[in-house]
């Protein structure tokens, strides 16, 4: 299940496929073709003025292209600002800025972590209704040798610097904590209690739709015997914005 979720997230965040392939002519003296969508990737080919290339898809400021020889590579948007279409008109490629990262959006993702020294798996979904505030619903499972723990939490994130590509946040929330003992020697009751939590986290925007998220949470379980339990969780994972 984890492998399938990660594959789905990777496919969703891989890039924006253009509605149709777009054939354009180079008007500058030349353009550089990179092996990947970033200046750190090496230039492996140069296409000269007058040649025709095909635009395939876009990833933030980078466009995947096919050269006249059928080679696939990536070109920065600025180098395509003076390209011509088949009618001889200049092609207008929309400028993408950090503003595009911070529109109201939904979010789904998966995270793996450690809950009270037990490996945990979390599936979550959320909606950012303002630039700074996001509501999250999370389902967490942690199966240990002696007990299985399930958390269902509703939380609120406050993004401190939402326009930063690496964006910190704080969070608070409430939820349900269910602990099911796994021992067969002594019959133990399943516990289900209310809980509250608080924490901090960090969001790293890898692309316009794909981000890395890591966070720390502290939980307080509100028991009926006035002896509240407390435990911690670290986790990290990937999310897709839509």
Protein backbone atom coordinates (compact mmCIF):
# COMPACT_ATOMS: atom_id res chain seq x y z
CA UNK A 1 0.00 0.00 0.00
CA UNK A 2 2.84 2.40 0.86
CA UNK A 3 4.52 1.70 -2.49
CA UNK A 4 1.28 2.41 -4.38
CA UNK A 5 0.67 5.68 -2.53
CA UNK A 6 4.21 6.92 -3.14
CA UNK A 7 3.93 6.03 -6.85
CA UNK A 8 0.66 7.96 -7.11
CA UNK A 9 2.19 11.01 -5.42
CA UNK A 10 5.25 10.91 -7.68
CA UNK A 11 3.10 10.74 -10.81
CA UNK A 12 0.88 13.62 -9.68
CA UNK A 13 3.88 15.84 -8.94
CA UNK A 14 5.93 15.02 -12.05
CA UNK A 15 4.87 18.02 -14.16
CA UNK A 16 2.07 19.75 -16.07
CA UNK A 17 1.40 18.06 -19.39
CA UNK A 18 0.43 20.57 -22.09
CA UNK A 19 -3.01 20.15 -23.60
CA UNK A 20 -1.35 19.41 -26.94
CA UNK A 21 2.19 19.37 -28.26
CA UNK A 22 3.22 22.80 -29.49
CA UNK A 23 5.61 23.28 -32.41
CA UNK A 24 7.65 26.51 -32.28
CA UNK A 25 10.62 28.04 -34.11
CA UNK A 26 13.75 29.35 -32.39
CA UNK A 27 14.22 33.13 -32.94
CA UNK A 28 17.29 33.63 -30.73
CA UNK A 29 20.79 32.68 -31.97
CA UNK A 30 20.54 29.40 -30.00
CA UNK A 31 18.99 27.71 -26.94
CA UNK A 32 20.57 25.30 -24.46
CA UNK A 33 18.99 21.87 -23.95
CA UNK A 34 19.51 20.48 -20.42
CA UNK A 35 19.20 16.85 -19.34
CA UNK A 36 16.77 17.81 -16.54
CA UNK A 37 14.54 20.67 -15.29
CA UNK A 38 17.18 22.74 -13.50
CA UNK A 39 20.37 24.74 -14.09
CA UNK A 40 22.32 22.07 -12.23
CA UNK A 41 21.65 19.59 -15.03
CA UNK A 42 24.28 19.64 -17.80
CA UNK A 43 23.69 21.05 -21.28
CA UNK A 44 23.90 18.15 -23.75
CA UNK A 45 22.67 19.82 -26.93
CA UNK A 46 22.23 23.25 -28.55
CA UNK A 47 19.46 24.14 -31.01
CA UNK A 48 20.24 27.04 -33.36
CA UNK A 49 18.14 29.89 -34.71
CA UNK A 50 15.51 28.88 -37.26
CA UNK A 51 15.13 25.29 -36.03
CA UNK A 52 11.74 23.92 -35.01
CA UNK A 53 11.22 22.23 -31.63
CA UNK A 54 8.16 20.70 -29.96
CA UNK A 55 6.99 21.73 -26.46
CA UNK A 56 5.74 18.71 -24.47
CA UNK A 57 5.16 19.66 -20.84
CA UNK A 58 6.06 22.22 -18.22
CA UNK A 59 7.56 21.95 -14.71
CA UNK A 60 7.55 25.37 -12.99
CA UNK A 61 9.97 27.50 -15.11
CA UNK A 62 11.23 24.60 -17.25
CA UNK A 63 9.77 23.24 -20.49
CA UNK A 64 10.36 19.71 -21.77
CA UNK A 65 11.06 19.80 -25.52
CA UNK A 66 11.77 17.51 -28.46
CA UNK A 67 14.53 18.68 -30.83
CA UNK A 68 14.50 18.27 -34.63
CA UNK A 69 16.63 15.12 -34.16
CA UNK A 70 14.11 13.60 -31.74
CA UNK A 71 16.18 14.25 -28.60
CA UNK A 72 14.27 15.03 -25.38
CA UNK A 73 15.51 17.67 -22.94
CA UNK A 74 14.59 20.71 -20.85
CA UNK A 75 14.79 24.45 -21.65
CA UNK A 76 14.31 27.37 -19.26
CA UNK A 77 11.24 29.47 -20.05
CA UNK A 78 13.34 32.65 -20.55
CA UNK A 79 15.13 31.07 -23.51
CA UNK A 80 11.79 30.47 -25.21
CA UNK A 81 10.47 34.02 -24.76
CA UNK A 82 11.23 34.91 -28.43
CA UNK A 83 10.10 31.71 -30.10
CA UNK A 84 7.69 31.93 -33.04
CA UNK A 85 4.62 29.84 -33.83
CA UNK A 86 3.74 28.55 -37.31
CA UNK A 87 2.04 31.85 -38.18
CA UNK A 88 5.25 33.79 -37.45
CA UNK A 89 3.92 35.39 -34.24
CA UNK A 90 5.81 35.45 -30.97
CA UNK A 91 4.70 32.78 -28.51
CA UNK A 92 3.53 34.04 -25.11
CA UNK A 93 4.60 31.66 -22.35
CA UNK A 94 2.94 32.54 -19.05
CA UNK A 95 5.31 33.67 -16.29
CA UNK A 96 5.12 31.46 -13.19
CA UNK A 97 6.13 33.00 -9.87
CA UNK A 98 5.96 31.98 -6.22
CA UNK A 99 2.44 33.44 -6.16
CA UNK A 100 1.28 30.28 -7.93
CA UNK A 101 2.37 28.14 -4.99
CA UNK A 102 0.08 29.91 -2.56
CA UNK A 103 -3.36 29.74 -4.12
CA UNK A 104 -6.16 28.10 -2.04
CA UNK A 105 -5.67 24.40 -2.53
CA UNK A 106 -6.41 20.90 -1.36
CA UNK A 107 -3.67 18.53 -0.23
CA UNK A 108 -3.33 14.75 0.05
CA UNK A 109 -0.28 12.81 1.19
CA UNK A 110 1.36 9.99 3.06
CA UNK A 111 3.91 10.16 5.89
CA UNK A 112 6.08 7.63 7.73
CA UNK A 113 7.39 8.23 11.22
CA UNK A 114 7.94 7.04 14.76
CA UNK A 115 5.13 7.19 17.33
CA UNK A 116 6.32 6.51 20.88
CA UNK A 117 9.25 4.40 19.47
CA UNK A 118 6.93 2.49 17.11
CA UNK A 119 6.93 2.90 13.31
CA UNK A 120 3.81 4.74 12.15
CA UNK A 121 2.05 5.29 8.83
CA UNK A 122 -0.15 8.37 8.26
CA UNK A 123 -2.52 9.19 5.42
CA UNK A 124 -3.82 12.77 5.40
CA UNK A 125 -5.90 15.27 3.50
CA UNK A 126 -6.35 18.98 3.99
CA UNK A 127 -7.55 22.28 2.61
CA UNK A 128 -5.82 25.67 2.83
CA UNK A 129 -8.63 28.21 3.02
CA UNK A 130 -6.30 31.21 3.49
CA UNK A 131 -2.64 31.83 2.77
CA UNK A 132 -1.70 31.11 6.41
CA UNK A 133 -4.31 28.61 7.65
CA UNK A 134 -4.92 25.01 6.63
CA UNK A 135 -7.29 22.41 8.05
CA UNK A 136 -5.98 18.81 8.13
CA UNK A 137 -7.59 15.41 8.71
CA UNK A 138 -5.15 12.58 9.52
CA UNK A 139 -5.39 8.81 10.04
CA UNK A 140 -2.35 7.23 11.75
CA UNK A 141 -1.65 3.53 12.45
CA UNK A 142 1.23 2.24 14.61
CA UNK A 143 1.51 -1.50 15.31
CA UNK A 144 3.90 -2.48 18.10
CA UNK A 145 4.74 -5.83 19.72
CA UNK A 146 2.29 -5.38 22.58
CA UNK A 147 -0.36 -2.99 21.25
CA UNK A 148 -1.68 -1.29 18.14
CA UNK A 149 -2.43 2.42 18.22
CA UNK A 150 -4.77 4.28 15.89
CA UNK A 151 -5.08 8.08 15.81
CA UNK A 152 -7.73 10.09 13.99
CA UNK A 153 -6.97 13.80 14.28
CA UNK A 154 -8.42 17.06 13.04
CA UNK A 155 -5.90 19.87 13.18
CA UNK A 156 -5.20 23.44 12.18
CA UNK A 157 -1.88 24.54 10.68
CA UNK A 158 -0.61 28.12 10.80
CA UNK A 159 2.01 28.78 8.10
CA UNK A 160 4.36 31.39 9.53
CA UNK A 161 6.01 32.40 6.25
CA UNK A 162 3.78 30.99 3.48
CA UNK A 163 5.69 32.71 0.65
CA UNK A 164 8.95 30.98 1.49
CA UNK A 165 9.83 27.92 -0.55
CA UNK A 166 10.93 26.29 2.73
CA UNK A 167 8.01 27.19 4.97
CA UNK A 168 7.76 26.51 8.74
CA UNK A 169 4.42 26.06 10.49
CA UNK A 170 2.87 25.38 13.90
CA UNK A 171 -0.15 23.17 14.52
CA UNK A 172 -2.80 22.29 17.10
CA UNK A 173 -5.66 19.82 17.02
CA UNK A 174 -7.95 17.29 18.66
CA UNK A 175 -8.82 13.70 17.94
CA UNK A 176 -9.46 10.13 19.00
CA UNK A 177 -6.81 7.72 20.34
CA UNK A 178 -7.58 3.98 20.21
CA UNK A 179 -5.17 1.48 21.80
CA UNK A 180 -5.75 -2.25 21.24
CA UNK A 181 -3.54 -4.65 23.29
CA UNK A 182 -2.04 -7.57 21.33
CA UNK A 183 -1.26 -9.90 24.25
CA UNK A 184 -2.96 -13.34 24.37
CA UNK A 185 -1.97 -14.22 27.94
CA UNK A 186 -4.20 -11.71 29.67
CA UNK A 187 -7.40 -10.31 28.26
CA UNK A 188 -7.13 -6.52 28.14
CA UNK A 189 -9.75 -4.00 27.22
CA UNK A 190 -9.48 -1.81 24.15
CA UNK A 191 -8.98 1.82 25.18
CA UNK A 192 -10.51 4.71 23.30
CA UNK A 193 -9.91 8.23 24.59
CA UNK A 194 -9.95 11.79 23.43
CA UNK A 195 -6.68 13.56 22.82
CA UNK A 196 -5.19 16.94 21.99
CA UNK A 197 -1.90 17.69 20.26
CA UNK A 198 0.45 20.50 19.31
CA UNK A 199 3.57 20.60 17.18
CA UNK A 200 5.81 22.23 14.62
CA UNK A 201 6.59 21.35 11.02
CA UNK A 202 8.36 22.30 7.81
CA UNK A 203 7.07 22.28 4.23
CA UNK A 204 9.54 22.22 1.32
CA UNK A 205 8.07 22.98 -2.12
CA UNK A 206 9.77 20.65 -4.60
CA UNK A 207 7.54 21.69 -7.52
CA UNK A 208 4.37 23.74 -7.87
CA UNK A 209 2.20 20.73 -6.88
CA UNK A 210 4.60 18.46 -4.98
CA UNK A 211 6.10 19.08 -1.54
CA UNK A 212 8.12 17.40 1.21
CA UNK A 213 6.64 17.71 4.69
CA UNK A 214 8.22 16.85 8.04
CA UNK A 215 6.88 17.51 11.54
CA UNK A 216 7.03 16.85 15.28
CA UNK A 217 3.89 16.35 17.43
CA UNK A 218 3.27 16.06 21.15
CA UNK A 219 0.04 14.25 22.18
CA UNK A 220 -1.84 14.36 25.47
CA UNK A 221 -4.44 11.60 25.95
CA UNK A 222 -7.29 12.74 28.19
CA UNK A 223 -8.09 9.66 30.27
CA UNK A 224 -10.98 9.27 32.74
CA UNK A 225 -8.75 8.45 35.73
CA UNK A 226 -7.14 11.93 35.88
CA UNK A 227 -3.79 10.40 34.93
CA UNK A 228 -3.31 11.69 31.39
CA UNK A 229 -0.88 9.93 29.05
CA UNK A 230 1.63 11.81 26.91
CA UNK A 231 3.68 10.67 23.91
CA UNK A 232 5.59 12.10 20.93
CA UNK A 233 5.77 11.52 17.19
CA UNK A 234 8.22 12.45 14.43
CA UNK A 235 7.20 11.90 10.81
CA UNK A 236 8.00 12.90 7.26
CA UNK A 237 6.49 12.30 3.83
CA UNK A 238 5.26 13.74 0.56
CA UNK A 239 2.10 15.62 -0.40
CA UNK A 240 0.39 16.64 -3.65
CA UNK A 241 -1.46 19.95 -3.98
CA UNK A 242 -4.50 20.24 -6.23
